[in-house]
PDB file of N, CA and C in Angstrom:
ATOM      1  N   GLN A   1      22.532  17.169  26.087  1.00  0.00           N
ATOM      2  CA  GLN A   1      23.457  17.589  27.126  1.00  0.00           C
ATOM      3  C   GLN A   1      23.958  18.988  26.848  1.00  0.00           C
ATOM      4  N   VAL A   2      24.212  19.701  27.904  1.00  0.00           N
ATOM      5  CA  VAL A   2      24.758  21.052  27.825  1.00  0.00           C
ATOM      6  C   VAL A   2      25.982  21.115  28.715  1.00  0.00           C
ATOM      7  N   GLN A   3      27.044  21.672  28.188  1.00  0.00           N
ATOM      8  CA  GLN A   3      28.241  21.882  28.978  1.00  0.00           C
ATOM      9  C   GLN A   3      28.381  23.379  29.263  1.00  0.00           C
ATOM     10  N   LEU A   4      28.705  23.707  30.498  1.00  0.00           N
ATOM     11  CA  LEU A   4      28.849  25.100  30.922  1.00  0.00           C
ATOM     12  C   LEU A   4      30.267  25.319  31.416  1.00  0.00           C
ATOM     13  N   VAL A   5      30.861  26.415  30.985  1.00  0.00           N
ATOM     14  CA  VAL A   5      32.221  26.743  31.412  1.00  0.00           C
ATOM     15  C   VAL A   5      32.252  28.181  31.901  1.00  0.00           C
ATOM     16  N   GLU A   6      32.626  28.346  33.165  1.00  0.00           N
ATOM     17  CA  GLU A   6      32.741  29.682  33.735  1.00  0.00           C
ATOM     18  C   GLU A   6      34.152  30.230  33.535  1.00  0.00           C
ATOM     19  N   SER A   7      34.242  31.532  33.482  1.00  0.00           N
ATOM     20  CA  SER A   7      35.539  32.204  33.449  1.00  0.00           C
ATOM     21  C   SER A   7      35.383  33.593  34.050  1.00  0.00           C
ATOM     22  N   GLY A   8      36.506  34.226  34.318  1.00  0.00           N
ATOM     23  CA  GLY A   8      36.481  35.596  34.813  1.00  0.00           C
ATOM     24  C   GLY A   8      36.710  35.750  36.296  1.00  0.00           C
ATOM     25  N   GLY A   9      36.824  34.656  37.000  1.00  0.00           N
ATOM     26  CA  GLY A   9      37.103  34.756  38.427  1.00  0.00           C
ATOM     27  C   GLY A   9      38.526  35.228  38.674  1.00  0.00           C
ATOM     28  N   GLY A  10      38.822  35.494  39.910  1.00  0.00           N
ATOM     29  CA  GLY A  10      40.162  35.930  40.263  1.00  0.00           C
ATOM     30  C   GLY A  10      40.165  36.671  41.574  1.00  0.00           C
ATOM     31  N   LEU A  11      41.178  37.503  41.733  1.00  0.00           N
ATOM     32  CA  LEU A  11      41.356  38.263  42.963  1.00  0.00           C
ATOM     33  C   LEU A  11      40.970  39.719  42.738  1.00  0.00           C
ATOM     34  N   ALA A  12      40.203  40.268  43.658  1.00  0.00           N
ATOM     35  CA  ALA A  12      39.808  41.675  43.595  1.00  0.00           C
ATOM     36  C   ALA A  12      39.907  42.274  44.984  1.00  0.00           C
ATOM     37  N   GLN A  13      40.080  43.570  45.024  1.00  0.00           N
ATOM     38  CA  GLN A  13      40.057  44.261  46.307  1.00  0.00           C
ATOM     39  C   GLN A  13      38.636  44.627  46.661  1.00  0.00           C
ATOM     40  N   ALA A  14      38.383  44.797  47.923  1.00  0.00           N
ATOM     41  CA  ALA A  14      37.070  45.247  48.370  1.00  0.00           C
ATOM     42  C   ALA A  14      36.724  46.560  47.666  1.00  0.00           C
ATOM     43  N   GLY A  15      35.493  46.627  47.164  1.00  0.00           N
ATOM     44  CA  GLY A  15      35.067  47.791  46.410  1.00  0.00           C
ATOM     45  C   GLY A  15      35.304  47.680  44.922  1.00  0.00           C
ATOM     46  N   GLY A  16      36.034  46.656  44.511  1.00  0.00           N
ATOM     47  CA  GLY A  16      36.348  46.457  43.112  1.00  0.00           C
ATOM     48  C   GLY A  16      35.271  45.682  42.379  1.00  0.00           C
ATOM     49  N   SER A  17      35.595  45.327  41.142  1.00  0.00           N
ATOM     50  CA  SER A  17      34.635  44.655  40.270  1.00  0.00           C
ATOM     51  C   SER A  17      35.274  43.471  39.566  1.00  0.00           C
ATOM     52  N   LEU A  18      34.444  42.499  39.246  1.00  0.00           N
ATOM     53  CA  LEU A  18      34.805  41.387  38.387  1.00  0.00           C
ATOM     54  C   LEU A  18      33.598  41.063  37.527  1.00  0.00           C
ATOM     55  N   ARG A  19      33.849  40.503  36.353  1.00  0.00           N
ATOM     56  CA  ARG A  19      32.760  40.022  35.513  1.00  0.00           C
ATOM     57  C   ARG A  19      32.983  38.556  35.216  1.00  0.00           C
ATOM     58  N   LEU A  20      32.025  37.748  35.593  1.00  0.00           N
ATOM     59  CA  LEU A  20      32.063  36.319  35.313  1.00  0.00           C
ATOM     60  C   LEU A  20      31.296  36.037  34.031  1.00  0.00           C
ATOM     61  N   SER A  21      31.805  35.079  33.264  1.00  0.00           N
ATOM     62  CA  SER A  21      31.136  34.643  32.046  1.00  0.00           C
ATOM     63  C   SER A  21      30.794  33.174  32.162  1.00  0.00           C
ATOM     64  N   CYS A  22      29.729  32.795  31.493  1.00  0.00           N
ATOM     65  CA  CYS A  22      29.319  31.393  31.451  1.00  0.00           C
ATOM     66  C   CYS A  22      29.029  31.063  29.995  1.00  0.00           C
ATOM     67  N   ALA A  23      29.866  30.226  29.403  1.00  0.00           N
ATOM     68  CA  ALA A  23      29.700  29.828  28.012  1.00  0.00           C
ATOM     69  C   ALA A  23      29.087  28.437  27.948  1.00  0.00           C
ATOM     70  N   ALA A  24      28.080  28.289  27.115  1.00  0.00           N
ATOM     71  CA  ALA A  24      27.387  27.016  26.980  1.00  0.00           C
ATOM     72  C   ALA A  24      27.746  26.359  25.662  1.00  0.00           C
ATOM     73  N   SER A  25      27.838  25.058  25.672  1.00  0.00           N
ATOM     74  CA  SER A  25      28.037  24.281  24.450  1.00  0.00           C
ATOM     75  C   SER A  25      27.179  23.036  24.543  1.00  0.00           C
ATOM     76  N   GLY A  26      26.945  22.410  23.397  1.00  0.00           N
ATOM     77  CA  GLY A  26      26.076  21.246  23.377  1.00  0.00           C
ATOM     78  C   GLY A  26      24.714  21.634  22.849  1.00  0.00           C
ATOM     79  N   ARG A  27      23.691  21.227  23.555  1.00  0.00           N
ATOM     80  CA  ARG A  27      22.315  21.484  23.109  1.00  0.00           C
ATOM     81  C   ARG A  27      21.896  22.896  23.479  1.00  0.00           C
ATOM     82  N   THR A  28      22.454  23.889  22.819  1.00  0.00           N
ATOM     83  CA  THR A  28      22.161  25.269  23.168  1.00  0.00           C
ATOM     84  C   THR A  28      21.083  25.883  22.300  1.00  0.00           C
ATOM     85  N   SER A  29      20.455  25.116  21.393  1.00  0.00           N
ATOM     86  CA  SER A  29      19.424  25.700  20.546  1.00  0.00           C
ATOM     87  C   SER A  29      18.231  26.129  21.385  1.00  0.00           C
ATOM     88  N   ARG A  30      18.026  25.435  22.483  1.00  0.00           N
ATOM     89  CA  ARG A  30      16.950  25.828  23.385  1.00  0.00           C
ATOM     90  C   ARG A  30      17.529  26.775  24.434  1.00  0.00           C
ATOM     91  N   SER A  31      16.870  27.855  24.697  1.00  0.00           N
ATOM     92  CA  SER A  31      17.334  28.807  25.711  1.00  0.00           C
ATOM     93  C   SER A  31      16.840  28.361  27.076  1.00  0.00           C
ATOM     94  N   TYR A  32      17.751  28.129  27.944  1.00  0.00           N
ATOM     95  CA  TYR A  32      17.418  27.705  29.295  1.00  0.00           C
ATOM     96  C   TYR A  32      17.425  28.887  30.256  1.00  0.00           C
ATOM     97  N   ALA A  33      16.610  28.806  31.274  1.00  0.00           N
ATOM     98  CA  ALA A  33      16.794  29.703  32.406  1.00  0.00           C
ATOM     99  C   ALA A  33      18.155  29.382  33.015  1.00  0.00           C
ATOM    100  N   MET A  34      18.878  30.425  33.452  1.00  0.00           N
ATOM    101  CA  MET A  34      20.218  30.211  33.958  1.00  0.00           C
ATOM    102  C   MET A  34      20.415  30.942  35.264  1.00  0.00           C
ATOM    103  N   GLY A  35      21.310  30.421  36.063  1.00  0.00           N
ATOM    104  CA  GLY A  35      21.553  31.034  37.358  1.00  0.00           C
ATOM    105  C   GLY A  35      23.001  30.960  37.767  1.00  0.00           C
ATOM    106  N   TRP A  36      23.321  31.713  38.796  1.00  0.00           N
ATOM    107  CA  TRP A  36      24.626  31.684  39.439  1.00  0.00           C
ATOM    108  C   TRP A  36      24.441  31.350  40.914  1.00  0.00           C
ATOM    109  N   PHE A  37      25.295  30.481  41.373  1.00  0.00           N
ATOM    110  CA  PHE A  37      25.342  30.122  42.780  1.00  0.00           C
ATOM    111  C   PHE A  37      26.781  30.292  43.259  1.00  0.00           C
ATOM    112  N   ARG A  38      26.958  30.320  44.552  1.00  0.00           N
ATOM    113  CA  ARG A  38      28.309  30.381  45.098  1.00  0.00           C
ATOM    114  C   ARG A  38      28.400  29.522  46.348  1.00  0.00           C
ATOM    115  N   GLN A  39      29.612  29.079  46.612  1.00  0.00           N
ATOM    116  CA  GLN A  39      29.838  28.249  47.785  1.00  0.00           C
ATOM    117  C   GLN A  39      31.169  28.630  48.413  1.00  0.00           C
ATOM    118  N   ALA A  40      31.101  29.087  49.648  1.00  0.00           N
ATOM    119  CA  ALA A  40      32.292  29.411  50.421  1.00  0.00           C
ATOM    120  C   ALA A  40      32.697  28.183  51.241  1.00  0.00           C
ATOM    121  N   PRO A  41      33.955  28.101  51.643  1.00  0.00           N
ATOM    122  CA  PRO A  41      34.403  26.932  52.428  1.00  0.00           C
ATOM    123  C   PRO A  41      33.560  26.741  53.681  1.00  0.00           C
ATOM    124  N   GLY A  42      33.104  25.517  53.871  1.00  0.00           N
ATOM    125  CA  GLY A  42      32.327  25.190  55.056  1.00  0.00           C
ATOM    126  C   GLY A  42      30.886  25.640  55.021  1.00  0.00           C
ATOM    127  N   LYS A  43      30.454  26.194  53.894  1.00  0.00           N
ATOM    128  CA  LYS A  43      29.073  26.682  53.790  1.00  0.00           C
ATOM    129  C   LYS A  43      28.342  25.965  52.667  1.00  0.00           C
ATOM    130  N   GLU A  44      27.026  26.044  52.717  1.00  0.00           N
ATOM    131  CA  GLU A  44      26.218  25.447  51.667  1.00  0.00           C
ATOM    132  C   GLU A  44      26.242  26.332  50.418  1.00  0.00           C
ATOM    133  N   ARG A  45      25.963  25.701  49.296  1.00  0.00           N
ATOM    134  CA  ARG A  45      25.859  26.447  48.057  1.00  0.00           C
ATOM    135  C   ARG A  45      24.628  27.357  48.148  1.00  0.00           C
ATOM    136  N   GLU A  46      24.806  28.624  47.785  1.00  0.00           N
ATOM    137  CA  GLU A  46      23.711  29.571  47.906  1.00  0.00           C
ATOM    138  C   GLU A  46      23.418  30.261  46.581  1.00  0.00           C
ATOM    139  N   PHE A  47      22.176  30.625  46.426  1.00  0.00           N
ATOM    140  CA  PHE A  47      21.701  31.327  45.238  1.00  0.00           C
ATOM    141  C   PHE A  47      22.290  32.733  45.196  1.00  0.00           C
ATOM    142  N   VAL A  48      22.699  33.159  43.994  1.00  0.00           N
ATOM    143  CA  VAL A  48      23.203  34.512  43.796  1.00  0.00           C
ATOM    144  C   VAL A  48      22.280  35.295  42.869  1.00  0.00           C
ATOM    145  N   ALA A  49      22.044  34.769  41.677  1.00  0.00           N
ATOM    146  CA  ALA A  49      21.232  35.484  40.697  1.00  0.00           C
ATOM    147  C   ALA A  49      20.756  34.503  39.642  1.00  0.00           C
ATOM    148  N   ALA A  50      19.699  34.879  38.936  1.00  0.00           N
ATOM    149  CA  ALA A  50      19.180  34.049  37.855  1.00  0.00           C
ATOM    150  C   ALA A  50      18.510  34.931  36.812  1.00  0.00           C
ATOM    151  N   VAL A  51      18.415  34.390  35.609  1.00  0.00           N
ATOM    152  CA  VAL A  51      17.754  35.103  34.516  1.00  0.00           C
ATOM    153  C   VAL A  51      16.871  34.113  33.773  1.00  0.00           C
ATOM    154  N   SER A  52      15.705  34.581  33.358  1.00  0.00           N
ATOM    155  CA  SER A  52      14.763  33.715  32.649  1.00  0.00           C
ATOM    156  C   SER A  52      15.305  33.351  31.282  1.00  0.00           C
ATOM    157  N   SER A  53      14.674  32.378  30.655  1.00  0.00           N
ATOM    158  CA  SER A  53      15.166  31.878  29.372  1.00  0.00           C
ATOM    159  C   SER A  53      15.183  32.970  28.306  1.00  0.00           C
ATOM    160  N   GLY A  54      14.210  33.847  28.331  1.00  0.00           N
ATOM    161  CA  GLY A  54      14.157  34.930  27.350  1.00  0.00           C
ATOM    162  C   GLY A  54      14.950  36.154  27.749  1.00  0.00           C
ATOM    163  N   GLY A  55      15.396  36.184  28.998  1.00  0.00           N
ATOM    164  CA  GLY A  55      16.196  37.302  29.475  1.00  0.00           C
ATOM    165  C   GLY A  55      15.411  38.465  30.027  1.00  0.00           C
ATOM    166  N   SER A  56      14.088  38.351  30.059  1.00  0.00           N
ATOM    167  CA  SER A  56      13.285  39.502  30.474  1.00  0.00           C
ATOM    168  C   SER A  56      13.143  39.607  31.982  1.00  0.00           C
ATOM    169  N   ALA A  57      13.355  38.523  32.694  1.00  0.00           N
ATOM    170  CA  ALA A  57      13.196  38.532  34.146  1.00  0.00           C
ATOM    171  C   ALA A  57      14.503  38.154  34.820  1.00  0.00           C
ATOM    172  N   THR A  58      14.850  38.901  35.858  1.00  0.00           N
ATOM    173  CA  THR A  58      16.063  38.610  36.628  1.00  0.00           C
ATOM    174  C   THR A  58      15.726  38.534  38.110  1.00  0.00           C
ATOM    175  N   PHE A  59      16.530  37.793  38.832  1.00  0.00           N
ATOM    176  CA  PHE A  59      16.283  37.548  40.245  1.00  0.00           C
ATOM    177  C   PHE A  59      17.623  37.598  40.972  1.00  0.00           C
ATOM    178  N   TYR A  60      17.601  38.153  42.182  1.00  0.00           N
ATOM    179  CA  TYR A  60      18.840  38.312  42.934  1.00  0.00           C
ATOM    180  C   TYR A  60      18.648  37.952  44.401  1.00  0.00           C
ATOM    181  N   ALA A  61      19.708  37.436  44.986  1.00  0.00           N
ATOM    182  CA  ALA A  61      19.734  37.279  46.434  1.00  0.00           C
ATOM    183  C   ALA A  61      19.827  38.667  47.059  1.00  0.00           C
ATOM    184  N   ASP A  62      19.243  38.826  48.222  1.00  0.00           N
ATOM    185  CA  ASP A  62      19.264  40.129  48.890  1.00  0.00           C
ATOM    186  C   ASP A  62      20.702  40.607  49.133  1.00  0.00           C
ATOM    187  N   SER A  63      21.595  39.681  49.359  1.00  0.00           N
ATOM    188  CA  SER A  63      22.977  40.037  49.695  1.00  0.00           C
ATOM    189  C   SER A  63      23.734  40.673  48.527  1.00  0.00           C
ATOM    190  N   VAL A  64      23.231  40.476  47.303  1.00  0.00           N
ATOM    191  CA  VAL A  64      23.942  41.015  46.144  1.00  0.00           C
ATOM    192  C   VAL A  64      23.113  42.033  45.376  1.00  0.00           C
ATOM    193  N   LYS A  65      21.876  42.214  45.775  1.00  0.00           N
ATOM    194  CA  LYS A  65      20.982  43.120  45.049  1.00  0.00           C
ATOM    195  C   LYS A  65      21.558  44.530  45.053  1.00  0.00           C
ATOM    196  N   GLY A  66      21.571  45.137  43.877  1.00  0.00           N
ATOM    197  CA  GLY A  66      22.135  46.476  43.748  1.00  0.00           C
ATOM    198  C   GLY A  66      23.619  46.492  43.470  1.00  0.00           C
ATOM    199  N   ARG A  67      24.289  45.361  43.631  1.00  0.00           N
ATOM    200  CA  ARG A  67      25.731  45.286  43.372  1.00  0.00           C
ATOM    201  C   ARG A  67      26.058  44.381  42.181  1.00  0.00           C
ATOM    202  N   PHE A  68      25.295  43.308  42.021  1.00  0.00           N
ATOM    203  CA  PHE A  68      25.531  42.344  40.952  1.00  0.00           C
ATOM    204  C   PHE A  68      24.454  42.492  39.889  1.00  0.00           C
ATOM    205  N   THR A  69      24.833  42.241  38.644  1.00  0.00           N
ATOM    206  CA  THR A  69      23.883  42.270  37.543  1.00  0.00           C
ATOM    207  C   THR A  69      24.086  41.044  36.667  1.00  0.00           C
ATOM    208  N   ILE A  70      23.008  40.306  36.457  1.00  0.00           N
ATOM    209  CA  ILE A  70      23.053  39.152  35.566  1.00  0.00           C
ATOM    210  C   ILE A  70      22.477  39.569  34.227  1.00  0.00           C
ATOM    211  N   SER A  71      23.077  39.107  33.158  1.00  0.00           N
ATOM    212  CA  SER A  71      22.588  39.483  31.832  1.00  0.00           C
ATOM    213  C   SER A  71      22.844  38.353  30.856  1.00  0.00           C
ATOM    214  N   ARG A  72      22.059  38.361  29.803  1.00  0.00           N
ATOM    215  CA  ARG A  72      22.252  37.394  28.738  1.00  0.00           C
ATOM    216  C   ARG A  72      21.788  38.016  27.442  1.00  0.00           C
ATOM    217  N   ASP A  73      22.387  37.577  26.363  1.00  0.00           N
ATOM    218  CA  ASP A  73      21.971  37.947  25.026  1.00  0.00           C
ATOM    219  C   ASP A  73      21.880  36.637  24.265  1.00  0.00           C
ATOM    220  N   ASN A  74      20.646  36.207  23.989  1.00  0.00           N
ATOM    221  CA  ASN A  74      20.481  34.888  23.383  1.00  0.00           C
ATOM    222  C   ASN A  74      21.007  34.818  21.950  1.00  0.00           C
ATOM    223  N   ALA A  75      21.336  35.979  21.389  1.00  0.00           N
ATOM    224  CA  ALA A  75      21.956  35.979  20.068  1.00  0.00           C
ATOM    225  C   ALA A  75      23.446  35.656  20.175  1.00  0.00           C
ATOM    226  N   LYS A  76      23.983  35.843  21.390  1.00  0.00           N
ATOM    227  CA  LYS A  76      25.378  35.518  21.637  1.00  0.00           C
ATOM    228  C   LYS A  76      25.418  34.494  22.746  1.00  0.00           C
ATOM    229  N   ASN A  77      26.496  33.774  22.858  1.00  0.00           N
ATOM    230  CA  ASN A  77      26.506  32.659  23.786  1.00  0.00           C
ATOM    231  C   ASN A  77      26.660  33.040  25.240  1.00  0.00           C
ATOM    232  N   PRO A  78      27.703  33.782  25.604  1.00  0.00           N
ATOM    233  CA  PRO A  78      27.955  33.896  27.033  1.00  0.00           C
ATOM    234  C   PRO A  78      26.843  34.607  27.796  1.00  0.00           C
ATOM    235  N   GLN A  79      26.708  34.182  29.003  1.00  0.00           N
ATOM    236  CA  GLN A  79      25.844  34.859  29.954  1.00  0.00           C
ATOM    237  C   GLN A  79      26.787  35.420  31.004  1.00  0.00           C
ATOM    238  N   TYR A  80      26.481  36.605  31.527  1.00  0.00           N
ATOM    239  CA  TYR A  80      27.419  37.304  32.380  1.00  0.00           C
ATOM    240  C   TYR A  80      26.864  37.586  33.773  1.00  0.00           C
ATOM    241  N   LEU A  81      27.779  37.658  34.720  1.00  0.00           N
ATOM    242  CA  LEU A  81      27.456  38.162  36.044  1.00  0.00           C
ATOM    243  C   LEU A  81      28.450  39.276  36.342  1.00  0.00           C
ATOM    244  N   GLN A  82      27.975  40.503  36.293  1.00  0.00           N
ATOM    245  CA  GLN A  82      28.799  41.656  36.615  1.00  0.00           C
ATOM    246  C   GLN A  82      28.727  41.882  38.115  1.00  0.00           C
ATOM    247  N   MET A  83      29.882  41.891  38.756  1.00  0.00           N
ATOM    248  CA  MET A  83      29.934  42.026  40.213  1.00  0.00           C
ATOM    249  C   MET A  83      30.674  43.305  40.565  1.00  0.00           C
ATOM    250  N   ASN A  84      29.956  44.250  41.147  1.00  0.00           N
ATOM    251  CA  ASN A  84      30.530  45.526  41.562  1.00  0.00           C
ATOM    252  C   ASN A  84      30.502  45.655  43.083  1.00  0.00           C
ATOM    253  N   SER A  85      31.247  46.615  43.577  1.00  0.00           N
ATOM    254  CA  SER A  85      31.287  46.878  45.029  1.00  0.00           C
ATOM    255  C   SER A  85      31.518  45.589  45.808  1.00  0.00           C
ATOM    256  N   LEU A  86      32.489  44.838  45.374  1.00  0.00           N
ATOM    257  CA  LEU A  86      32.754  43.538  45.987  1.00  0.00           C
ATOM    258  C   LEU A  86      33.163  43.671  47.450  1.00  0.00           C
ATOM    259  N   ARG A  87      32.787  42.667  48.213  1.00  0.00           N
ATOM    260  CA  ARG A  87      33.077  42.615  49.653  1.00  0.00           C
ATOM    261  C   ARG A  87      33.820  41.328  49.963  1.00  0.00           C
ATOM    262  N   PRO A  88      34.587  41.303  51.022  1.00  0.00           N
ATOM    263  CA  PRO A  88      35.279  40.055  51.380  1.00  0.00           C
ATOM    264  C   PRO A  88      34.320  38.876  51.532  1.00  0.00           C
ATOM    265  N   GLU A  89      33.100  39.122  51.979  1.00  0.00           N
ATOM    266  CA  GLU A  89      32.144  38.030  52.149  1.00  0.00           C
ATOM    267  C   GLU A  89      31.614  37.495  50.828  1.00  0.00           C
ATOM    268  N   ASP A  90      31.976  38.127  49.718  1.00  0.00           N
ATOM    269  CA  ASP A  90      31.632  37.575  48.403  1.00  0.00           C
ATOM    270  C   ASP A  90      32.612  36.489  47.972  1.00  0.00           C
ATOM    271  N   THR A  91      33.670  36.296  48.725  1.00  0.00           N
ATOM    272  CA  THR A  91      34.655  35.274  48.394  1.00  0.00           C
ATOM    273  C   THR A  91      34.015  33.889  48.405  1.00  0.00           C
ATOM    274  N   ALA A  92      34.142  33.178  47.291  1.00  0.00           N
ATOM    275  CA  ALA A  92      33.534  31.856  47.142  1.00  0.00           C
ATOM    276  C   ALA A  92      33.903  31.297  45.771  1.00  0.00           C
ATOM    277  N   VAL A  93      33.567  30.049  45.562  1.00  0.00           N
ATOM    278  CA  VAL A  93      33.575  29.485  44.209  1.00  0.00           C
ATOM    279  C   VAL A  93      32.201  29.766  43.612  1.00  0.00           C
ATOM    280  N   TYR A  94      32.193  30.350  42.438  1.00  0.00           N
ATOM    281  CA  TYR A  94      30.955  30.712  41.764  1.00  0.00           C
ATOM    282  C   TYR A  94      30.666  29.705  40.656  1.00  0.00           C
ATOM    283  N   TYR A  95      29.413  29.235  40.634  1.00  0.00           N
ATOM    284  CA  TYR A  95      28.985  28.229  39.675  1.00  0.00           C
ATOM    285  C   TYR A  95      27.869  28.774  38.789  1.00  0.00           C
ATOM    286  N   CYS A  96      27.982  28.474  37.510  1.00  0.00           N
ATOM    287  CA  CYS A  96      26.921  28.747  36.557  1.00  0.00           C
ATOM    288  C   CYS A  96      26.055  27.492  36.437  1.00  0.00           C
ATOM    289  N   ALA A  97      24.753  27.672  36.301  1.00  0.00           N
ATOM    290  CA  ALA A  97      23.844  26.539  36.187  1.00  0.00           C
ATOM    291  C   ALA A  97      22.755  26.861  35.173  1.00  0.00           C
ATOM    292  N   ALA A  98      22.157  25.815  34.601  1.00  0.00           N
ATOM    293  CA  ALA A  98      21.136  26.025  33.584  1.00  0.00           C
ATOM    294  C   ALA A  98      20.023  24.994  33.695  1.00  0.00           C
ATOM    295  N   ASP A  99      18.854  25.385  33.182  1.00  0.00           N
ATOM    296  CA  ASP A  99      17.680  24.523  33.087  1.00  0.00           C
ATOM    297  C   ASP A  99      17.049  24.263  34.444  1.00  0.00           C
ATOM    298  N   THR A 100      16.094  25.080  34.780  1.00  0.00           N
ATOM    299  CA  THR A 100      15.459  24.960  36.083  1.00  0.00           C
ATOM    300  C   THR A 100      14.006  25.393  36.021  1.00  0.00           C
ATOM    301  N   SER A 101      13.231  24.882  36.980  1.00  0.00           N
ATOM    302  CA  SER A 101      11.856  25.348  37.145  1.00  0.00           C
ATOM    303  C   SER A 101      11.728  26.152  38.434  1.00  0.00           C
ATOM    304  N   ASN A 102      12.837  26.271  39.169  1.00  0.00           N
ATOM    305  CA  ASN A 102      12.845  27.026  40.428  1.00  0.00           C
ATOM    306  C   ASN A 102      14.185  27.757  40.517  1.00  0.00           C
ATOM    307  N   TYR A 103      14.168  29.036  40.214  1.00  0.00           N
ATOM    308  CA  TYR A 103      15.415  29.797  40.094  1.00  0.00           C
ATOM    309  C   TYR A 103      16.278  29.739  41.337  1.00  0.00           C
ATOM    310  N   TRP A 104      15.666  29.694  42.516  1.00  0.00           N
ATOM    311  CA  TRP A 104      16.405  29.862  43.753  1.00  0.00           C
ATOM    312  C   TRP A 104      16.951  28.555  44.319  1.00  0.00           C
ATOM    313  N   ARG A 105      16.518  27.419  43.780  1.00  0.00           N
ATOM    314  CA  ARG A 105      16.840  26.134  44.388  1.00  0.00           C
ATOM    315  C   ARG A 105      17.913  25.418  43.581  1.00  0.00           C
ATOM    316  N   ALA A 106      19.081  25.229  44.153  1.00  0.00           N
ATOM    317  CA  ALA A 106      20.197  24.634  43.428  1.00  0.00           C
ATOM    318  C   ALA A 106      19.856  23.254  42.883  1.00  0.00           C
ATOM    319  N   ARG A 107      19.139  22.463  43.657  1.00  0.00           N
ATOM    320  CA  ARG A 107      18.855  21.088  43.249  1.00  0.00           C
ATOM    321  C   ARG A 107      17.949  21.012  42.037  1.00  0.00           C
ATOM    322  N   SER A 108      17.290  22.119  41.705  1.00  0.00           N
ATOM    323  CA  SER A 108      16.381  22.074  40.564  1.00  0.00           C
ATOM    324  C   SER A 108      17.096  22.290  39.233  1.00  0.00           C
ATOM    325  N   TYR A 109      18.372  22.678  39.258  1.00  0.00           N
ATOM    326  CA  TYR A 109      19.102  22.919  38.021  1.00  0.00           C
ATOM    327  C   TYR A 109      19.659  21.605  37.472  1.00  0.00           C
ATOM    328  N   THR A 110      19.595  21.468  36.157  1.00  0.00           N
ATOM    329  CA  THR A 110      20.040  20.241  35.516  1.00  0.00           C
ATOM    330  C   THR A 110      21.538  20.250  35.214  1.00  0.00           C
ATOM    331  N   TYR A 111      22.035  21.383  34.734  1.00  0.00           N
ATOM    332  CA  TYR A 111      23.411  21.463  34.257  1.00  0.00           C
ATOM    333  C   TYR A 111      24.216  22.440  35.109  1.00  0.00           C
ATOM    334  N   TRP A 112      25.490  22.094  35.320  1.00  0.00           N
ATOM    335  CA  TRP A 112      26.385  22.905  36.147  1.00  0.00           C
ATOM    336  C   TRP A 112      27.750  23.038  35.497  1.00  0.00           C
ATOM    337  N   GLY A 113      28.370  24.189  35.710  1.00  0.00           N
ATOM    338  CA  GLY A 113      29.754  24.359  35.342  1.00  0.00           C
ATOM    339  C   GLY A 113      30.664  23.862  36.450  1.00  0.00           C
ATOM    340  N   GLN A 114      31.955  23.989  36.213  1.00  0.00           N
ATOM    341  CA  GLN A 114      32.933  23.462  37.164  1.00  0.00           C
ATOM    342  C   GLN A 114      33.272  24.463  38.259  1.00  0.00           C
ATOM    343  N   GLY A 115      32.872  25.700  38.076  1.00  0.00           N
ATOM    344  CA  GLY A 115      33.102  26.718  39.093  1.00  0.00           C
ATOM    345  C   GLY A 115      34.336  27.555  38.829  1.00  0.00           C
ATOM    346  N   THR A 116      34.303  28.786  39.302  1.00  0.00           N
ATOM    347  CA  THR A 116      35.450  29.682  39.202  1.00  0.00           C
ATOM    348  C   THR A 116      35.613  30.404  40.531  1.00  0.00           C
ATOM    349  N   GLN A 117      36.855  30.506  40.984  1.00  0.00           N
ATOM    350  CA  GLN A 117      37.120  31.085  42.296  1.00  0.00           C
ATOM    351  C   GLN A 117      37.117  32.602  42.228  1.00  0.00           C
ATOM    352  N   VAL A 118      36.412  33.209  43.170  1.00  0.00           N
ATOM    353  CA  VAL A 118      36.430  34.658  43.351  1.00  0.00           C
ATOM    354  C   VAL A 118      36.938  34.925  44.770  1.00  0.00           C
ATOM    355  N   THR A 119      37.984  35.715  44.878  1.00  0.00           N
ATOM    356  CA  THR A 119      38.548  36.066  46.173  1.00  0.00           C
ATOM    357  C   THR A 119      38.596  37.579  46.292  1.00  0.00           C
ATOM    358  N   VAL A 120      38.002  38.093  47.350  1.00  0.00           N
ATOM    359  CA  VAL A 120      37.965  39.537  47.571  1.00  0.00           C
ATOM    360  C   VAL A 120      38.761  39.848  48.832  1.00  0.00           C
ATOM    361  N   SER A 121      39.785  40.653  48.688  1.00  0.00           N
ATOM    362  CA  SER A 121      40.621  41.008  49.829  1.00  0.00           C
ATOM    363  C   SER A 121      40.166  42.324  50.435  1.00  0.00           C
ATOM    364  N   SER A 122      40.342  42.418  51.738  1.00  0.00           N
ATOM    365  CA  SER A 122      39.911  43.642  52.447  1.00  0.00           C
ATOM    366  C   SER A 122      41.007  44.691  52.461  1.00  0.00           C
TER     367      SER A 122
END
């Protein structure tokens, strides 16, 4: 089992930045592919970004490409999502997820964090 805990959410103004962290505990000896998803009220959970188990490959939703950066250092625990040039439409609960064979599909991830709220004001 792997437990994931997100942190770093909060309130930001449009154009501002936030950095989300995802700390893993439990069976972390194996490096999992990891991703970030978000869910706004009344909407489905959507893919934001993902990184391969080794960290060499990254993937982004078109809506965040060029603004968000996912990173990991397998020598250290946390995995990060740096969010720049934030927009009000980025407001959502952001979830960290791990262990997948399909980066873009939420249902393919085995482990999930509890989520952290990101609110962007205009």
